[in-house]
Amino acid sequence: MLRFDDIELNNREPVYMQIAMYVKRQILLKKVADGEQLPSRREVAAQLSINPNTVQKAYKLMEDEGFVTTSGNQRSILHIDELIFSRIDDQLTRDMIKGFIKSAKGINLSFKRVVDLISELWGDE
């Protein structure tokens, strides 16, 4: 079962969105699998010391995006097929690159300088 003990919440984004994004990262890193249960909303709220309504909002968002299903009073379950995995991969990758581009432009780096630096540093990490 997915645990939220290593999530690092910040004050820049709504907490419910951070929870959904954390689950997406776990999916992308293949640390969770299709059919895996999520902890109850109350368990997550207690673990993160947040309001259960915030967790409910996160679970609702994940259900709306199609990678979590909940039937009645049953636990919520991850639903990860190739299409959902590809969509999450594309979203997280694009968001990361957009953030990088915004930061690079914010300090007036040219496209050529960015490409040169990426080429130079790619193997270092």
N, C-alpha and C. Protein backbone atom coordinates (compact mmCIF):
# COMPACT_ATOMS: atom_id res chain seq x y z
N MET A 1 0.84 -1.19 0.00
CA MET A 1 0.00 0.00 0.00
C MET A 1 0.89 1.25 0.00
N LEU A 2 0.46 2.20 -0.78
CA LEU A 2 1.19 3.47 -0.89
C LEU A 2 1.21 4.18 0.46
N ARG A 3 2.38 4.68 0.81
CA ARG A 3 2.52 5.47 2.04
C ARG A 3 2.91 6.89 1.65
N PHE A 4 2.55 7.81 2.50
CA PHE A 4 2.82 9.22 2.22
C PHE A 4 3.86 9.80 3.18
N ASP A 5 4.69 8.93 3.76
CA ASP A 5 5.62 9.40 4.78
C ASP A 5 6.80 10.19 4.23
N ASP A 6 7.03 10.15 2.92
CA ASP A 6 8.16 10.93 2.39
C ASP A 6 7.70 12.11 1.52
N ILE A 7 6.42 12.43 1.57
CA ILE A 7 5.93 13.59 0.82
C ILE A 7 6.36 14.86 1.55
N GLU A 8 6.80 15.85 0.80
CA GLU A 8 7.21 17.12 1.38
C GLU A 8 6.24 18.20 0.89
N LEU A 9 5.34 18.60 1.76
CA LEU A 9 4.35 19.61 1.40
C LEU A 9 4.95 21.00 1.46
N ASN A 10 4.47 21.89 0.59
CA ASN A 10 4.96 23.27 0.58
C ASN A 10 3.78 24.22 0.64
N ASN A 11 4.06 25.49 0.77
CA ASN A 11 3.02 26.51 0.86
C ASN A 11 2.72 27.18 -0.48
N ARG A 12 3.37 26.72 -1.55
CA ARG A 12 3.20 27.36 -2.85
C ARG A 12 2.01 26.81 -3.64
N GLU A 13 1.63 25.56 -3.38
CA GLU A 13 0.55 24.92 -4.13
C GLU A 13 -0.48 24.38 -3.16
N PRO A 14 -1.72 24.24 -3.60
CA PRO A 14 -2.72 23.63 -2.72
C PRO A 14 -2.31 22.21 -2.33
N VAL A 15 -2.54 21.85 -1.08
CA VAL A 15 -2.12 20.56 -0.56
C VAL A 15 -2.76 19.41 -1.32
N TYR A 16 -4.03 19.54 -1.69
CA TYR A 16 -4.69 18.44 -2.39
C TYR A 16 -4.02 18.16 -3.74
N MET A 17 -3.53 19.21 -4.40
CA MET A 17 -2.84 19.03 -5.67
C MET A 17 -1.47 18.38 -5.46
N GLN A 18 -0.81 18.73 -4.35
CA GLN A 18 0.48 18.13 -4.03
C GLN A 18 0.33 16.63 -3.77
N ILE A 19 -0.76 16.25 -3.12
CA ILE A 19 -1.00 14.83 -2.85
C ILE A 19 -1.21 14.09 -4.18
N ALA A 20 -2.03 14.63 -5.06
CA ALA A 20 -2.27 14.00 -6.36
C ALA A 20 -0.98 13.92 -7.16
N MET A 21 -0.18 14.97 -7.13
CA MET A 21 1.09 14.98 -7.86
C MET A 21 2.06 13.94 -7.29
N TYR A 22 2.06 13.79 -5.98
CA TYR A 22 2.91 12.79 -5.33
C TYR A 22 2.54 11.38 -5.83
N VAL A 23 1.24 11.10 -5.90
CA VAL A 23 0.80 9.78 -6.39
C VAL A 23 1.22 9.61 -7.85
N LYS A 24 1.09 10.65 -8.65
CA LYS A 24 1.51 10.57 -10.05
C LYS A 24 3.00 10.26 -10.16
N ARG A 25 3.82 10.90 -9.32
CA ARG A 25 5.26 10.63 -9.34
C ARG A 25 5.55 9.18 -8.96
N GLN A 26 4.82 8.67 -7.99
CA GLN A 26 5.00 7.27 -7.59
C GLN A 26 4.63 6.33 -8.74
N ILE A 27 3.60 6.69 -9.48
CA ILE A 27 3.20 5.90 -10.66
C ILE A 27 4.30 5.96 -11.70
N LEU A 28 4.79 7.17 -11.99
CA LEU A 28 5.83 7.35 -13.01
C LEU A 28 7.10 6.59 -12.65
N LEU A 29 7.45 6.58 -11.37
CA LEU A 29 8.66 5.88 -10.91
C LEU A 29 8.43 4.38 -10.73
N LYS A 30 7.20 3.94 -10.99
CA LYS A 30 6.80 2.54 -10.86
C LYS A 30 7.00 2.01 -9.45
N LYS A 31 6.76 2.87 -8.47
CA LYS A 31 6.81 2.46 -7.07
C LYS A 31 5.46 1.93 -6.61
N VAL A 32 4.44 2.09 -7.44
CA VAL A 32 3.10 1.55 -7.17
C VAL A 32 2.63 0.86 -8.44
N ALA A 33 1.64 -0.02 -8.28
CA ALA A 33 1.17 -0.81 -9.41
C ALA A 33 -0.34 -0.72 -9.56
N ASP A 34 -0.80 -1.08 -10.72
CA ASP A 34 -2.23 -1.15 -10.99
C ASP A 34 -2.89 -2.09 -9.99
N GLY A 35 -4.02 -1.65 -9.44
CA GLY A 35 -4.76 -2.46 -8.48
C GLY A 35 -4.34 -2.28 -7.03
N GLU A 36 -3.28 -1.51 -6.80
CA GLU A 36 -2.81 -1.29 -5.43
C GLU A 36 -3.77 -0.37 -4.68
N GLN A 37 -4.02 -0.71 -3.43
CA GLN A 37 -4.91 0.10 -2.61
C GLN A 37 -4.21 1.34 -2.08
N LEU A 38 -5.00 2.40 -1.95
CA LEU A 38 -4.52 3.61 -1.29
C LEU A 38 -5.01 3.56 0.15
N PRO A 39 -4.28 4.20 1.05
CA PRO A 39 -4.77 4.28 2.43
C PRO A 39 -6.07 5.07 2.48
N SER A 40 -6.83 4.88 3.53
CA SER A 40 -8.09 5.62 3.66
C SER A 40 -7.78 7.11 3.76
N ARG A 41 -8.78 7.89 3.49
CA ARG A 41 -8.63 9.34 3.57
C ARG A 41 -8.25 9.76 4.99
N ARG A 42 -8.85 9.13 5.97
CA ARG A 42 -8.54 9.45 7.36
C ARG A 42 -7.10 9.09 7.72
N GLU A 43 -6.62 7.96 7.19
CA GLU A 43 -5.23 7.56 7.45
C GLU A 43 -4.26 8.58 6.87
N VAL A 44 -4.52 9.01 5.64
CA VAL A 44 -3.64 10.00 5.01
C VAL A 44 -3.69 11.32 5.77
N ALA A 45 -4.89 11.74 6.15
CA ALA A 45 -5.04 12.99 6.91
C ALA A 45 -4.26 12.92 8.21
N ALA A 46 -4.34 11.80 8.91
CA ALA A 46 -3.61 11.65 10.18
C ALA A 46 -2.11 11.62 9.93
N GLN A 47 -1.69 10.91 8.90
CA GLN A 47 -0.27 10.80 8.58
C GLN A 47 0.35 12.16 8.24
N LEU A 48 -0.42 13.00 7.53
CA LEU A 48 0.10 14.29 7.09
C LEU A 48 -0.32 15.45 8.00
N SER A 49 -1.11 15.15 9.02
CA SER A 49 -1.62 16.18 9.94
C SER A 49 -2.37 17.28 9.18
N ILE A 50 -3.28 16.83 8.32
CA ILE A 50 -4.09 17.78 7.55
C ILE A 50 -5.57 17.41 7.70
N ASN A 51 -6.42 18.27 7.22
CA ASN A 51 -7.86 18.07 7.29
C ASN A 51 -8.28 16.93 6.36
N PRO A 52 -9.13 16.00 6.81
CA PRO A 52 -9.61 14.92 5.94
C PRO A 52 -10.31 15.43 4.68
N ASN A 53 -10.92 16.60 4.74
CA ASN A 53 -11.56 17.16 3.55
C ASN A 53 -10.55 17.48 2.45
N THR A 54 -9.33 17.84 2.85
CA THR A 54 -8.27 18.10 1.87
C THR A 54 -7.90 16.81 1.16
N VAL A 55 -7.81 15.72 1.92
CA VAL A 55 -7.50 14.42 1.32
C VAL A 55 -8.65 13.99 0.42
N GLN A 56 -9.87 14.21 0.85
CA GLN A 56 -11.03 13.88 0.03
C GLN A 56 -10.96 14.61 -1.30
N LYS A 57 -10.57 15.87 -1.27
CA LYS A 57 -10.45 16.66 -2.49
C LYS A 57 -9.36 16.08 -3.42
N ALA A 58 -8.26 15.63 -2.82
CA ALA A 58 -7.18 15.01 -3.62
C ALA A 58 -7.65 13.71 -4.26
N TYR A 59 -8.34 12.88 -3.49
CA TYR A 59 -8.83 11.61 -4.02
C TYR A 59 -9.86 11.86 -5.13
N LYS A 60 -10.70 12.85 -4.95
CA LYS A 60 -11.70 13.20 -5.97
C LYS A 60 -11.00 13.64 -7.26
N LEU A 61 -9.96 14.45 -7.13
CA LEU A 61 -9.19 14.89 -8.29
C LEU A 61 -8.59 13.68 -9.01
N MET A 62 -8.00 12.75 -8.26
CA MET A 62 -7.38 11.57 -8.86
C MET A 62 -8.43 10.68 -9.52
N GLU A 63 -9.62 10.60 -8.93
CA GLU A 63 -10.71 9.84 -9.55
C GLU A 63 -11.14 10.52 -10.85
N ASP A 64 -11.26 11.85 -10.82
CA ASP A 64 -11.66 12.59 -12.01
C ASP A 64 -10.64 12.43 -13.14
N GLU A 65 -9.36 12.30 -12.78
CA GLU A 65 -8.31 12.12 -13.78
C GLU A 65 -8.19 10.66 -14.22
N GLY A 66 -8.90 9.77 -13.55
CA GLY A 66 -9.01 8.39 -14.01
C GLY A 66 -7.99 7.40 -13.50
N PHE A 67 -7.09 7.80 -12.60
CA PHE A 67 -6.10 6.84 -12.12
C PHE A 67 -6.38 6.32 -10.72
N VAL A 68 -7.51 6.68 -10.16
CA VAL A 68 -7.98 6.13 -8.89
C VAL A 68 -9.46 5.82 -9.04
N THR A 69 -9.84 4.65 -8.55
CA THR A 69 -11.26 4.28 -8.54
C THR A 69 -11.68 3.94 -7.12
N THR A 70 -12.90 4.30 -6.79
CA THR A 70 -13.47 4.00 -5.48
C THR A 70 -14.89 3.51 -5.70
N SER A 71 -15.20 2.35 -5.13
CA SER A 71 -16.55 1.79 -5.25
C SER A 71 -17.21 1.81 -3.88
N GLY A 72 -18.22 2.66 -3.75
CA GLY A 72 -18.96 2.72 -2.49
C GLY A 72 -18.07 3.02 -1.30
N ASN A 73 -18.16 2.18 -0.28
CA ASN A 73 -17.36 2.37 0.93
C ASN A 73 -16.06 1.57 0.90
N GLN A 74 -15.70 1.06 -0.26
CA GLN A 74 -14.46 0.30 -0.41
C GLN A 74 -13.27 1.25 -0.42
N ARG A 75 -12.10 0.69 -0.24
CA ARG A 75 -10.88 1.50 -0.35
C ARG A 75 -10.68 1.95 -1.80
N SER A 76 -9.96 3.04 -1.94
CA SER A 76 -9.63 3.53 -3.28
C SER A 76 -8.48 2.69 -3.84
N ILE A 77 -8.55 2.45 -5.13
CA ILE A 77 -7.58 1.59 -5.80
C ILE A 77 -6.98 2.33 -6.99
N LEU A 78 -5.68 2.13 -7.20
CA LEU A 78 -5.01 2.72 -8.35
C LEU A 78 -5.42 1.98 -9.62
N HIS A 79 -5.69 2.75 -10.65
CA HIS A 79 -6.00 2.19 -11.97
C HIS A 79 -4.97 2.76 -12.93
N ILE A 80 -4.01 1.91 -13.30
CA ILE A 80 -2.92 2.37 -14.17
C ILE A 80 -2.84 1.45 -15.39
N ASP A 81 -3.25 1.97 -16.53
CA ASP A 81 -3.05 1.24 -17.77
C ASP A 81 -2.03 2.03 -18.61
N GLU A 82 -1.72 1.53 -19.78
CA GLU A 82 -0.70 2.19 -20.61
C GLU A 82 -1.08 3.62 -20.96
N LEU A 83 -2.35 3.85 -21.26
CA LEU A 83 -2.80 5.20 -21.62
C LEU A 83 -2.64 6.17 -20.46
N ILE A 84 -3.06 5.75 -19.28
CA ILE A 84 -2.94 6.60 -18.08
C ILE A 84 -1.47 6.84 -17.76
N PHE A 85 -0.65 5.79 -17.82
CA PHE A 85 0.78 5.95 -17.54
C PHE A 85 1.40 6.94 -18.52
N SER A 86 1.07 6.81 -19.81
CA SER A 86 1.62 7.72 -20.83
C SER A 86 1.17 9.16 -20.58
N ARG A 87 -0.09 9.33 -20.21
CA ARG A 87 -0.62 10.67 -19.94
C ARG A 87 0.10 11.31 -18.75
N ILE A 88 0.31 10.53 -17.68
CA ILE A 88 1.01 11.05 -16.50
C ILE A 88 2.46 11.35 -16.84
N ASP A 89 3.11 10.46 -17.59
CA ASP A 89 4.49 10.68 -18.01
C ASP A 89 4.62 11.97 -18.81
N ASP A 90 3.72 12.17 -19.76
CA ASP A 90 3.75 13.37 -20.60
C ASP A 90 3.51 14.62 -19.76
N GLN A 91 2.51 14.57 -18.86
CA GLN A 91 2.19 15.73 -18.04
C GLN A 91 3.36 16.12 -17.14
N LEU A 92 3.92 15.15 -16.42
CA LEU A 92 5.00 15.47 -15.48
C LEU A 92 6.25 15.94 -16.22
N THR A 93 6.54 15.31 -17.35
CA THR A 93 7.72 15.72 -18.13
C THR A 93 7.55 17.13 -18.67
N ARG A 94 6.40 17.40 -19.25
CA ARG A 94 6.15 18.74 -19.79
C ARG A 94 6.17 19.81 -18.69
N ASP A 95 5.56 19.50 -17.55
CA ASP A 95 5.55 20.46 -16.44
C ASP A 95 6.97 20.77 -15.98
N MET A 96 7.81 19.73 -15.89
CA MET A 96 9.19 19.94 -15.46
C MET A 96 9.95 20.81 -16.46
N ILE A 97 9.80 20.49 -17.75
CA ILE A 97 10.50 21.24 -18.79
C ILE A 97 10.00 22.69 -18.85
N LYS A 98 8.69 22.88 -18.73
CA LYS A 98 8.14 24.24 -18.72
C LYS A 98 8.71 25.05 -17.56
N GLY A 99 8.81 24.43 -16.39
CA GLY A 99 9.38 25.11 -15.22
C GLY A 99 10.84 25.48 -15.45
N PHE A 100 11.59 24.54 -16.06
CA PHE A 100 12.99 24.80 -16.36
C PHE A 100 13.12 25.95 -17.36
N ILE A 101 12.32 25.92 -18.41
CA ILE A 101 12.39 26.99 -19.42
C ILE A 101 12.06 28.34 -18.81
N LYS A 102 11.04 28.37 -17.97
CA LYS A 102 10.66 29.63 -17.32
C LYS A 102 11.82 30.16 -16.46
N SER A 103 12.46 29.26 -15.72
CA SER A 103 13.61 29.67 -14.89
C SER A 103 14.77 30.15 -15.74
N ALA A 104 15.05 29.44 -16.83
CA ALA A 104 16.16 29.82 -17.72
C ALA A 104 15.90 31.18 -18.35
N LYS A 105 14.68 31.38 -18.80
CA LYS A 105 14.33 32.68 -19.39
C LYS A 105 14.36 33.78 -18.34
N GLY A 106 14.04 33.42 -17.11
CA GLY A 106 14.04 34.39 -16.01
C GLY A 106 15.41 34.97 -15.72
N ILE A 107 16.45 34.23 -16.09
CA ILE A 107 17.81 34.77 -15.91
C ILE A 107 18.48 35.03 -17.26
N ASN A 108 17.63 35.19 -18.29
CA ASN A 108 18.07 35.58 -19.64
C ASN A 108 19.06 34.62 -20.29
N LEU A 109 18.91 33.32 -20.01
CA LEU A 109 19.75 32.35 -20.72
C LEU A 109 19.22 32.19 -22.13
N SER A 110 20.11 32.11 -23.09
CA SER A 110 19.69 31.88 -24.47
C SER A 110 19.45 30.39 -24.69
N PHE A 111 18.67 30.08 -25.71
CA PHE A 111 18.41 28.68 -26.06
C PHE A 111 19.73 27.96 -26.32
N LYS A 112 20.62 28.61 -27.07
CA LYS A 112 21.91 27.99 -27.39
C LYS A 112 22.72 27.70 -26.13
N ARG A 113 22.73 28.64 -25.21
CA ARG A 113 23.49 28.45 -23.95
C ARG A 113 22.90 27.28 -23.16
N VAL A 114 21.58 27.19 -23.11
CA VAL A 114 20.92 26.10 -22.39
C VAL A 114 21.29 24.75 -23.03
N VAL A 115 21.20 24.67 -24.35
CA VAL A 115 21.54 23.42 -25.04
C VAL A 115 23.00 23.07 -24.83
N ASP A 116 23.88 24.06 -24.90
CA ASP A 116 25.30 23.81 -24.67
C ASP A 116 25.54 23.29 -23.25
N LEU A 117 24.90 23.90 -22.27
CA LEU A 117 25.07 23.46 -20.88
C LEU A 117 24.50 22.06 -20.65
N ILE A 118 23.35 21.78 -21.23
CA ILE A 118 22.78 20.44 -21.10
C ILE A 118 23.71 19.41 -21.72
N SER A 119 24.22 19.71 -22.90
CA SER A 119 25.16 18.79 -23.57
C SER A 119 26.40 18.56 -22.72
N GLU A 120 26.90 19.63 -22.13
CA GLU A 120 28.12 19.53 -21.31
C GLU A 120 27.87 18.77 -20.01
N LEU A 121 26.75 19.01 -19.37
CA LEU A 121 26.52 18.48 -18.03
C LEU A 121 25.70 17.18 -18.00
N TRP A 122 25.16 16.75 -19.13
CA TRP A 122 24.25 15.61 -19.14
C TRP A 122 24.84 14.37 -18.47
N GLY A 123 26.07 14.06 -18.74
CA GLY A 123 26.69 12.86 -18.19
C GLY A 123 27.17 12.99 -16.75
N ASP A 124 27.18 14.22 -16.23
CA ASP A 124 27.70 14.45 -14.87
C ASP A 124 26.78 13.95 -13.78
N GLU A 125 25.50 13.88 -14.04
CA GLU A 125 24.53 13.50 -12.98
C GLU A 125 24.08 12.08 -13.15
